[in-house]
Amino acid sequence: MKRILATILLATVLCLNVSAWGRLGHQTVVAIAQRHLTEKTKAGIARYFDYDLKKDAVWMDKHRHDTPIEYTTAWHVYNVNDKHEYDPNPRLKKGDCIFGMYVADYNLRHYQELTDSAVVMNVRMIIHFVGDLHCPVHSYFPGPRNFWPCSLNGEQISTFHSLYDGMPDRLWPELSADELASLLDDCGRCKMRKIAKGSFIDWVKLIADRNAGIYDFNAPLTKELDPDTVEKSREIVALQLRDAGYRLARLLNEYFGK
């Protein structure tokens, strides 16, 4: 554990201006997870958080440039190859979302050996990075990155990436995170377990296969987007938020529910 903590403290910053899902999306992932936590897990988490965990859903984005945790700046995105398999090599050499998740996962599986503040930090990491993992534009596919400016029905969008970071708010502007979680949480226990099973690397392939769909109706470098981009993205975004919530619930139950 000490070796891993030392490793992350020595990591170098790679500046990336990314913020997946916005507040609504990240809070919805946590809200879905909270609907499936055991009572023991809830009690274990409550020992460290005397407030709703959703309040920390975007903590990592808000504080990513704070000097003590600048080493996490690159840990919000990840690469996949042309087969949609995890590929840590081509672009991100300072750690990525998968690395950050494995760090938090290791530490939380030994959370009783950590200080209270370290537990809080690692929970903030896992709840956020699980959300980032599922964001369509945080899977970096081979080819140009998704930071080109574009327009949608006359609206100028700073980057294609930023459009999808804010897509939950465009799709469900009137809903709270808890309301959206109730809407999206539509699986029975058996299907939910099937979605949540596997390793982080297993999840990447499933996630990237789905994320690639946003380019089917908006080819890379397209500046004038399909007028129906938002509505065509609804199913992909809804499924990714739902599955992120189920996978996060599994992890939190494993950490705190034993």
C-alpha atoms as a PDB file:
ATOM      1  CA  MET A   1       0.000   0.000   0.000  1.00  0.00           C
ATOM      2  CA  LYS A   2       2.779   2.438   0.904  1.00  0.00           C
ATOM      3  CA  ARG A   3       4.449   1.684  -2.424  1.00  0.00           C
ATOM      4  CA  ILE A   4       1.249   2.548  -4.331  1.00  0.00           C
ATOM      5  CA  LEU A   5       0.710   5.747  -2.364  1.00  0.00           C
ATOM      6  CA  ALA A   6       4.311   6.719  -3.048  1.00  0.00           C
ATOM      7  CA  THR A   7       3.808   6.033  -6.742  1.00  0.00           C
ATOM      8  CA  ILE A   8       0.837   8.357  -7.065  1.00  0.00           C
ATOM      9  CA  LEU A   9       2.585  11.138  -5.187  1.00  0.00           C
ATOM     10  CA  LEU A  10       5.472  10.949  -7.657  1.00  0.00           C
ATOM     11  CA  ALA A  11       3.245  11.028 -10.735  1.00  0.00           C
ATOM     12  CA  THR A  12       3.721  14.005 -13.075  1.00  0.00           C
ATOM     13  CA  VAL A  13       0.895  16.281 -14.152  1.00  0.00           C
ATOM     14  CA  LEU A  14      -0.508  16.082 -17.675  1.00  0.00           C
ATOM     15  CA  CYS A  15      -2.876  19.008 -18.215  1.00  0.00           C
ATOM     16  CA  LEU A  16      -6.161  17.970 -19.815  1.00  0.00           C
ATOM     17  CA  ASN A  17      -9.220  20.186 -19.801  1.00  0.00           C
ATOM     18  CA  VAL A  18     -11.865  17.515 -19.318  1.00  0.00           C
ATOM     19  CA  SER A  19     -14.807  17.217 -16.965  1.00  0.00           C
ATOM     20  CA  ALA A  20     -17.046  14.261 -17.753  1.00  0.00           C
ATOM     21  CA  TRP A  21     -20.811  14.296 -17.307  1.00  0.00           C
ATOM     22  CA  GLY A  22     -21.044  17.560 -15.371  1.00  0.00           C
ATOM     23  CA  ARG A  23     -22.683  17.682 -11.961  1.00  0.00           C
ATOM     24  CA  LEU A  24     -25.964  16.021 -13.007  1.00  0.00           C
ATOM     25  CA  GLY A  25     -24.298  13.059 -14.693  1.00  0.00           C
ATOM     26  CA  HIS A  26     -21.811  12.327 -11.931  1.00  0.00           C
ATOM     27  CA  GLN A  27     -24.397  12.754  -9.193  1.00  0.00           C
ATOM     28  CA  THR A  28     -26.758  10.438 -11.070  1.00  0.00           C
ATOM     29  CA  VAL A  29     -24.112   7.706 -11.157  1.00  0.00           C
ATOM     30  CA  VAL A  30     -23.752   7.998  -7.378  1.00  0.00           C
ATOM     31  CA  ALA A  31     -27.528   8.175  -6.901  1.00  0.00           C
ATOM     32  CA  ILE A  32     -28.043   4.949  -8.859  1.00  0.00           C
ATOM     33  CA  ALA A  33     -25.311   3.255  -6.842  1.00  0.00           C
ATOM     34  CA  GLN A  34     -26.877   4.407  -3.568  1.00  0.00           C
ATOM     35  CA  ARG A  35     -30.127   2.669  -4.505  1.00  0.00           C
ATOM     36  CA  HIS A  36     -28.273  -0.664  -4.399  1.00  0.00           C
ATOM     37  CA  LEU A  37     -26.012  -0.373  -1.364  1.00  0.00           C
ATOM     38  CA  THR A  38     -26.449  -2.760   1.522  1.00  0.00           C
ATOM     39  CA  GLU A  39     -27.250  -1.411   4.966  1.00  0.00           C
ATOM     40  CA  LYS A  40     -23.785  -2.441   6.130  1.00  0.00           C
ATOM     41  CA  THR A  41     -22.199  -0.577   3.251  1.00  0.00           C
ATOM     42  CA  LYS A  42     -24.252   2.534   4.010  1.00  0.00           C
ATOM     43  CA  ALA A  43     -23.154   2.392   7.640  1.00  0.00           C
ATOM     44  CA  GLY A  44     -19.512   1.939   6.641  1.00  0.00           C
ATOM     45  CA  ILE A  45     -19.596   4.925   4.324  1.00  0.00           C
ATOM     46  CA  ALA A  46     -21.473   7.051   6.870  1.00  0.00           C
ATOM     47  CA  ARG A  47     -18.542   6.677   9.240  1.00  0.00           C
ATOM     48  CA  TYR A  48     -16.486   8.840   6.872  1.00  0.00           C
ATOM     49  CA  PHE A  49     -19.158  10.976   5.199  1.00  0.00           C
ATOM     50  CA  ASP A  50     -21.725  12.725   7.393  1.00  0.00           C
ATOM     51  CA  TYR A  51     -23.453  14.035   4.273  1.00  0.00           C
ATOM     52  CA  ASP A  52     -24.921  12.665   1.046  1.00  0.00           C
ATOM     53  CA  LEU A  53     -22.127  11.125  -1.031  1.00  0.00           C
ATOM     54  CA  LYS A  54     -23.534  12.820  -4.148  1.00  0.00           C
ATOM     55  CA  LYS A  55     -22.093  16.087  -2.852  1.00  0.00           C
ATOM     56  CA  ASP A  56     -18.610  14.749  -3.620  1.00  0.00           C
ATOM     57  CA  ALA A  57     -19.467  13.379  -7.070  1.00  0.00           C
ATOM     58  CA  VAL A  58     -17.535  16.149  -8.866  1.00  0.00           C
ATOM     59  CA  TRP A  59     -15.000  16.848  -6.118  1.00  0.00           C
ATOM     60  CA  MET A  60     -12.187  15.467  -8.284  1.00  0.00           C
ATOM     61  CA  ASP A  61     -13.027  17.897 -11.094  1.00  0.00           C
ATOM     62  CA  LYS A  62     -13.283  20.905  -8.787  1.00  0.00           C
ATOM     63  CA  HIS A  63      -9.959  20.186  -7.064  1.00  0.00           C
ATOM     64  CA  ARG A  64      -7.928  18.458  -9.760  1.00  0.00           C
ATOM     65  CA  HIS A  65      -5.520  21.400 -10.070  1.00  0.00           C
ATOM     66  CA  ASP A  66      -5.006  21.827  -6.323  1.00  0.00           C
ATOM     67  CA  THR A  67      -1.313  21.365  -5.619  1.00  0.00           C
ATOM     68  CA  PRO A  68      -1.684  18.350  -3.274  1.00  0.00           C
ATOM     69  CA  ILE A  69      -3.527  16.282  -5.902  1.00  0.00           C
ATOM     70  CA  GLU A  70      -2.252  17.652  -9.207  1.00  0.00           C
ATOM     71  CA  TYR A  71      -0.950  14.165  -9.911  1.00  0.00           C
ATOM     72  CA  THR A  72      -4.547  13.090 -10.660  1.00  0.00           C
ATOM     73  CA  THR A  73      -5.058  15.582 -13.498  1.00  0.00           C
ATOM     74  CA  ALA A  74      -4.549  12.990 -16.243  1.00  0.00           C
ATOM     75  CA  TRP A  75      -6.618  10.330 -14.532  1.00  0.00           C
ATOM     76  CA  HIS A  76      -9.995  11.259 -16.039  1.00  0.00           C
ATOM     77  CA  VAL A  77      -9.581   9.753 -19.533  1.00  0.00           C
ATOM     78  CA  TYR A  78      -8.081   6.648 -21.122  1.00  0.00           C
ATOM     79  CA  ASN A  79      -7.092   5.167 -24.479  1.00  0.00           C
ATOM     80  CA  VAL A  80      -8.554   2.266 -26.412  1.00  0.00           C
ATOM     81  CA  ASN A  81      -7.226   0.650 -29.574  1.00  0.00           C
ATOM     82  CA  ASP A  82      -9.079   0.007 -32.826  1.00  0.00           C
ATOM     83  CA  LYS A  83     -10.601  -3.124 -31.269  1.00  0.00           C
ATOM     84  CA  HIS A  84     -11.923  -1.014 -28.374  1.00  0.00           C
ATOM     85  CA  GLU A  85      -9.590  -2.734 -25.912  1.00  0.00           C
ATOM     86  CA  TYR A  86      -7.775  -0.795 -23.216  1.00  0.00           C
ATOM     87  CA  ASP A  87      -4.505   0.653 -24.490  1.00  0.00           C
ATOM     88  CA  PRO A  88      -2.429   2.591 -21.951  1.00  0.00           C
ATOM     89  CA  ASN A  89       0.433   3.448 -24.292  1.00  0.00           C
ATOM     90  CA  PRO A  90      -0.110   5.881 -27.187  1.00  0.00           C
ATOM     91  CA  ARG A  91      -1.121   9.141 -25.534  1.00  0.00           C
ATOM     92  CA  LEU A  92      -1.341   9.025 -21.769  1.00  0.00           C
ATOM     93  CA  LYS A  93       1.976   8.220 -20.144  1.00  0.00           C
ATOM     94  CA  LYS A  94       1.329   9.850 -16.784  1.00  0.00           C
ATOM     95  CA  GLY A  95      -1.462   7.546 -15.655  1.00  0.00           C
ATOM     96  CA  ASP A  96      -5.075   7.494 -16.746  1.00  0.00           C
ATOM     97  CA  CYS A  97      -8.583   6.694 -15.522  1.00  0.00           C
ATOM     98  CA  ILE A  98      -7.857   2.978 -15.253  1.00  0.00           C
ATOM     99  CA  PHE A  99      -4.696   3.622 -13.251  1.00  0.00           C
ATOM    100  CA  GLY A 100      -6.583   5.953 -10.927  1.00  0.00           C
ATOM    101  CA  MET A 101      -9.322   3.379 -10.409  1.00  0.00           C
ATOM    102  CA  TYR A 102      -6.837   0.639  -9.590  1.00  0.00           C
ATOM    103  CA  VAL A 103      -5.090   2.902  -7.063  1.00  0.00           C
ATOM    104  CA  ALA A 104      -8.384   3.721  -5.334  1.00  0.00           C
ATOM    105  CA  ASP A 105      -9.566   0.120  -5.575  1.00  0.00           C
ATOM    106  CA  TYR A 106      -6.428  -1.231  -3.914  1.00  0.00           C
ATOM    107  CA  ASN A 107      -6.544   1.328  -1.143  1.00  0.00           C
ATOM    108  CA  LEU A 108     -10.248   0.873  -0.410  1.00  0.00           C
ATOM    109  CA  ARG A 109      -9.878  -2.899  -0.206  1.00  0.00           C
ATOM    110  CA  HIS A 110      -7.503  -2.120   2.658  1.00  0.00           C
ATOM    111  CA  TYR A 111      -9.344   0.938   3.930  1.00  0.00           C
ATOM    112  CA  GLN A 112      -9.092  -0.062   7.591  1.00  0.00           C
ATOM    113  CA  GLU A 113      -5.324   0.486   7.333  1.00  0.00           C
ATOM    114  CA  LEU A 114      -5.806   4.063   6.057  1.00  0.00           C
ATOM    115  CA  THR A 115      -6.353   7.328   7.861  1.00  0.00           C
ATOM    116  CA  ASP A 116      -9.882   8.711   7.698  1.00  0.00           C
ATOM    117  CA  SER A 117      -8.782  11.447   5.302  1.00  0.00           C
ATOM    118  CA  ALA A 118      -7.182   8.877   2.996  1.00  0.00           C
ATOM    119  CA  VAL A 119     -10.421   6.862   2.938  1.00  0.00           C
ATOM    120  CA  VAL A 120     -12.370   9.994   2.004  1.00  0.00           C
ATOM    121  CA  MET A 121      -9.924  10.824  -0.786  1.00  0.00           C
ATOM    122  CA  ASN A 122     -10.045   7.337  -2.269  1.00  0.00           C
ATOM    123  CA  VAL A 123     -13.850   7.206  -2.152  1.00  0.00           C
ATOM    124  CA  ARG A 124     -13.936  10.534  -3.981  1.00  0.00           C
ATOM    125  CA  MET A 125     -11.627   9.034  -6.578  1.00  0.00           C
ATOM    126  CA  ILE A 126     -13.579   5.844  -7.176  1.00  0.00           C
ATOM    127  CA  ILE A 127     -17.019   7.481  -7.377  1.00  0.00           C
ATOM    128  CA  HIS A 128     -15.724  10.013  -9.869  1.00  0.00           C
ATOM    129  CA  PHE A 129     -13.512   7.831 -12.043  1.00  0.00           C
ATOM    130  CA  VAL A 130     -16.176   5.152 -12.455  1.00  0.00           C
ATOM    131  CA  GLY A 131     -18.324   7.920 -13.896  1.00  0.00           C
ATOM    132  CA  ASP A 132     -15.507   9.197 -16.116  1.00  0.00           C
ATOM    133  CA  LEU A 133     -14.859   5.690 -17.405  1.00  0.00           C
ATOM    134  CA  HIS A 134     -18.332   5.588 -18.963  1.00  0.00           C
ATOM    135  CA  CYS A 135     -18.407   9.048 -20.557  1.00  0.00           C
ATOM    136  CA  PRO A 136     -18.500   8.720 -24.381  1.00  0.00           C
ATOM    137  CA  VAL A 137     -15.720  11.225 -24.999  1.00  0.00           C
ATOM    138  CA  HIS A 138     -13.428   9.961 -22.247  1.00  0.00           C
ATOM    139  CA  SER A 139     -12.687   6.824 -24.240  1.00  0.00           C
ATOM    140  CA  TYR A 140      -9.905   8.109 -26.501  1.00  0.00           C
ATOM    141  CA  PHE A 141     -10.146   6.155 -29.742  1.00  0.00           C
ATOM    142  CA  PRO A 142      -7.272   6.038 -32.268  1.00  0.00           C
ATOM    143  CA  GLY A 143      -7.087   9.146 -34.401  1.00  0.00           C
ATOM    144  CA  PRO A 144      -7.672  12.841 -33.657  1.00  0.00           C
ATOM    145  CA  ARG A 145      -8.862  13.727 -30.185  1.00  0.00           C
ATOM    146  CA  ASN A 146     -12.407  15.016 -29.831  1.00  0.00           C
ATOM    147  CA  PHE A 147     -11.561  18.652 -29.061  1.00  0.00           C
ATOM    148  CA  TRP A 148     -12.644  20.206 -32.385  1.00  0.00           C
ATOM    149  CA  PRO A 149     -15.081  23.157 -32.300  1.00  0.00           C
ATOM    150  CA  CYS A 150     -18.500  22.495 -33.772  1.00  0.00           C
ATOM    151  CA  SER A 151     -22.025  23.856 -34.050  1.00  0.00           C
ATOM    152  CA  LEU A 152     -25.400  22.313 -33.267  1.00  0.00           C
ATOM    153  CA  ASN A 153     -28.511  23.890 -34.752  1.00  0.00           C
ATOM    154  CA  GLY A 154     -26.738  27.246 -34.873  1.00  0.00           C
ATOM    155  CA  GLU A 155     -25.304  26.976 -31.348  1.00  0.00           C
ATOM    156  CA  GLN A 156     -21.533  27.262 -31.262  1.00  0.00           C
ATOM    157  CA  ILE A 157     -19.967  24.500 -29.151  1.00  0.00           C
ATOM    158  CA  SER A 158     -16.414  25.028 -27.902  1.00  0.00           C
ATOM    159  CA  THR A 159     -15.504  21.370 -28.506  1.00  0.00           C
ATOM    160  CA  PHE A 160     -17.218  18.117 -29.433  1.00  0.00           C
ATOM    161  CA  HIS A 161     -15.835  16.814 -26.141  1.00  0.00           C
ATOM    162  CA  SER A 162     -17.549  19.513 -24.092  1.00  0.00           C
ATOM    163  CA  LEU A 163     -20.871  18.758 -25.788  1.00  0.00           C
ATOM    164  CA  TYR A 164     -20.886  15.232 -24.391  1.00  0.00           C
ATOM    165  CA  ASP A 165     -19.520  16.268 -21.022  1.00  0.00           C
ATOM    166  CA  GLY A 166     -22.710  18.294 -20.671  1.00  0.00           C
ATOM    167  CA  MET A 167     -25.059  15.887 -22.430  1.00  0.00           C
ATOM    168  CA  PRO A 168     -27.010  14.748 -19.314  1.00  0.00           C
ATOM    169  CA  ASP A 169     -28.053  18.350 -18.669  1.00  0.00           C
ATOM    170  CA  ARG A 170     -29.196  18.715 -22.282  1.00  0.00           C
ATOM    171  CA  LEU A 171     -31.193  15.496 -22.188  1.00  0.00           C
ATOM    172  CA  TRP A 172     -32.791  15.855 -18.751  1.00  0.00           C
ATOM    173  CA  PRO A 173     -32.647  19.566 -17.837  1.00  0.00           C
ATOM    174  CA  GLU A 174     -35.632  19.443 -15.484  1.00  0.00           C
ATOM    175  CA  LEU A 175     -34.610  16.390 -13.445  1.00  0.00           C
ATOM    176  CA  SER A 176     -32.599  16.137 -10.239  1.00  0.00           C
ATOM    177  CA  ALA A 177     -29.977  13.404  -9.895  1.00  0.00           C
ATOM    178  CA  ASP A 178     -32.304  11.303  -7.737  1.00  0.00           C
ATOM    179  CA  GLU A 179     -35.153  11.691 -10.213  1.00  0.00           C
ATOM    180  CA  LEU A 180     -32.923  10.732 -13.117  1.00  0.00           C
ATOM    181  CA  ALA A 181     -31.572   7.758 -11.170  1.00  0.00           C
ATOM    182  CA  SER A 182     -35.117   6.549 -10.596  1.00  0.00           C
ATOM    183  CA  LEU A 183     -35.821   6.858 -14.319  1.00  0.00           C
ATOM    184  CA  LEU A 184     -32.688   5.042 -15.474  1.00  0.00           C
ATOM    185  CA  ASP A 185     -32.532   2.300 -12.825  1.00  0.00           C
ATOM    186  CA  ASP A 186     -34.614  -0.209 -14.763  1.00  0.00           C
ATOM    187  CA  CYS A 187     -32.833  -3.556 -14.370  1.00  0.00           C
ATOM    188  CA  GLY A 188     -33.714  -6.527 -12.233  1.00  0.00           C
ATOM    189  CA  ARG A 189     -31.220  -7.959  -9.783  1.00  0.00           C
ATOM    190  CA  CYS A 190     -29.965 -10.659 -12.152  1.00  0.00           C
ATOM    191  CA  LYS A 191     -29.268  -8.277 -15.039  1.00  0.00           C
ATOM    192  CA  MET A 192     -27.708  -5.754 -12.700  1.00  0.00           C
ATOM    193  CA  ARG A 193     -25.245  -8.371 -11.404  1.00  0.00           C
ATOM    194  CA  LYS A 194     -24.379  -9.329 -14.982  1.00  0.00           C
ATOM    195  CA  ILE A 195     -23.651  -5.706 -15.884  1.00  0.00           C
ATOM    196  CA  ALA A 196     -21.535  -5.151 -12.768  1.00  0.00           C
ATOM    197  CA  LYS A 197     -19.398  -8.284 -13.017  1.00  0.00           C
ATOM    198  CA  GLY A 198     -15.885  -8.357 -14.443  1.00  0.00           C
ATOM    199  CA  SER A 199     -12.703  -6.342 -14.077  1.00  0.00           C
ATOM    200  CA  PHE A 200     -12.070  -2.720 -14.981  1.00  0.00           C
ATOM    201  CA  ILE A 201     -10.399  -3.911 -18.191  1.00  0.00           C
ATOM    202  CA  ASP A 202     -13.445  -6.038 -19.032  1.00  0.00           C
ATOM    203  CA  TRP A 203     -15.642  -2.991 -18.569  1.00  0.00           C
ATOM    204  CA  VAL A 204     -13.531  -0.892 -20.940  1.00  0.00           C
ATOM    205  CA  LYS A 205     -14.322  -3.061 -23.966  1.00  0.00           C
ATOM    206  CA  LEU A 206     -18.061  -3.023 -23.266  1.00  0.00           C
ATOM    207  CA  ILE A 207     -18.043   0.711 -22.601  1.00  0.00           C
ATOM    208  CA  ALA A 208     -15.973   1.622 -25.669  1.00  0.00           C
ATOM    209  CA  ASP A 209     -18.117  -0.554 -27.949  1.00  0.00           C
ATOM    210  CA  ARG A 210     -21.091   1.561 -26.909  1.00  0.00           C
ATOM    211  CA  ASN A 211     -19.256   4.889 -26.791  1.00  0.00           C
ATOM    212  CA  ALA A 212     -18.166   4.485 -30.398  1.00  0.00           C
ATOM    213  CA  GLY A 213     -21.798   4.952 -31.371  1.00  0.00           C
ATOM    214  CA  ILE A 214     -21.623   8.729 -30.988  1.00  0.00           C
ATOM    215  CA  TYR A 215     -19.376   8.837 -34.058  1.00  0.00           C
ATOM    216  CA  ASP A 216     -21.833   6.884 -36.197  1.00  0.00           C
ATOM    217  CA  PHE A 217     -23.951   9.995 -36.653  1.00  0.00           C
ATOM    218  CA  ASN A 218     -21.160  12.531 -36.086  1.00  0.00           C
ATOM    219  CA  ALA A 219     -17.964  11.552 -37.873  1.00  0.00           C
ATOM    220  CA  PRO A 220     -14.686  12.853 -36.383  1.00  0.00           C
ATOM    221  CA  LEU A 221     -13.911  16.479 -37.217  1.00  0.00           C
ATOM    222  CA  THR A 222     -17.483  17.191 -38.332  1.00  0.00           C
ATOM    223  CA  LYS A 223     -18.069  20.855 -37.566  1.00  0.00           C
ATOM    224  CA  GLU A 224     -21.811  20.999 -38.265  1.00  0.00           C
ATOM    225  CA  LEU A 225     -23.365  18.283 -36.140  1.00  0.00           C
ATOM    226  CA  ASP A 226     -26.405  16.233 -36.963  1.00  0.00           C
ATOM    227  CA  PRO A 227     -29.391  18.356 -35.841  1.00  0.00           C
ATOM    228  CA  ASP A 228     -30.718  15.359 -33.891  1.00  0.00           C
ATOM    229  CA  THR A 229     -27.421  14.644 -32.116  1.00  0.00           C
ATOM    230  CA  VAL A 230     -28.831  15.167 -28.633  1.00  0.00           C
ATOM    231  CA  GLU A 231     -31.822  12.871 -29.069  1.00  0.00           C
ATOM    232  CA  LYS A 232     -29.763  10.257 -30.925  1.00  0.00           C
ATOM    233  CA  SER A 233     -27.384  10.215 -27.946  1.00  0.00           C
ATOM    234  CA  ARG A 234     -30.116   9.555 -25.390  1.00  0.00           C
ATOM    235  CA  GLU A 235     -29.883   5.760 -25.294  1.00  0.00           C
ATOM    236  CA  ILE A 236     -26.084   5.675 -25.149  1.00  0.00           C
ATOM    237  CA  VAL A 237     -25.897   8.252 -22.371  1.00  0.00           C
ATOM    238  CA  ALA A 238     -28.720   6.651 -20.379  1.00  0.00           C
ATOM    239  CA  LEU A 239     -27.163   3.189 -20.534  1.00  0.00           C
ATOM    240  CA  GLN A 240     -23.706   4.442 -19.612  1.00  0.00           C
ATOM    241  CA  LEU A 241     -24.995   6.341 -16.582  1.00  0.00           C
ATOM    242  CA  ARG A 242     -27.045   3.345 -15.457  1.00  0.00           C
ATOM    243  CA  ASP A 243     -24.232   0.834 -15.885  1.00  0.00           C
ATOM    244  CA  ALA A 244     -21.751   3.137 -14.127  1.00  0.00           C
ATOM    245  CA  GLY A 245     -24.124   3.273 -11.156  1.00  0.00           C
ATOM    246  CA  TYR A 246     -24.468  -0.509 -10.982  1.00  0.00           C
ATOM    247  CA  ARG A 247     -20.711  -1.023 -11.204  1.00  0.00           C
ATOM    248  CA  LEU A 248     -20.040   1.605  -8.571  1.00  0.00           C
ATOM    249  CA  ALA A 249     -22.572  -0.049  -6.254  1.00  0.00           C
ATOM    250  CA  ARG A 250     -20.786  -3.368  -6.634  1.00  0.00           C
ATOM    251  CA  LEU A 251     -17.444  -1.825  -5.721  1.00  0.00           C
ATOM    252  CA  LEU A 252     -18.717   0.092  -2.703  1.00  0.00           C
ATOM    253  CA  ASN A 253     -20.489  -3.014  -1.406  1.00  0.00           C
ATOM    254  CA  GLU A 254     -17.284  -4.980  -1.779  1.00  0.00           C
ATOM    255  CA  TYR A 255     -15.237  -2.359   0.078  1.00  0.00           C
ATOM    256  CA  PHE A 256     -17.576  -1.503   2.943  1.00  0.00           C
ATOM    257  CA  GLY A 257     -20.134  -4.298   3.065  1.00  0.00           C
ATOM    258  CA  LYS A 258     -17.989  -7.179   4.261  1.00  0.00           C
END
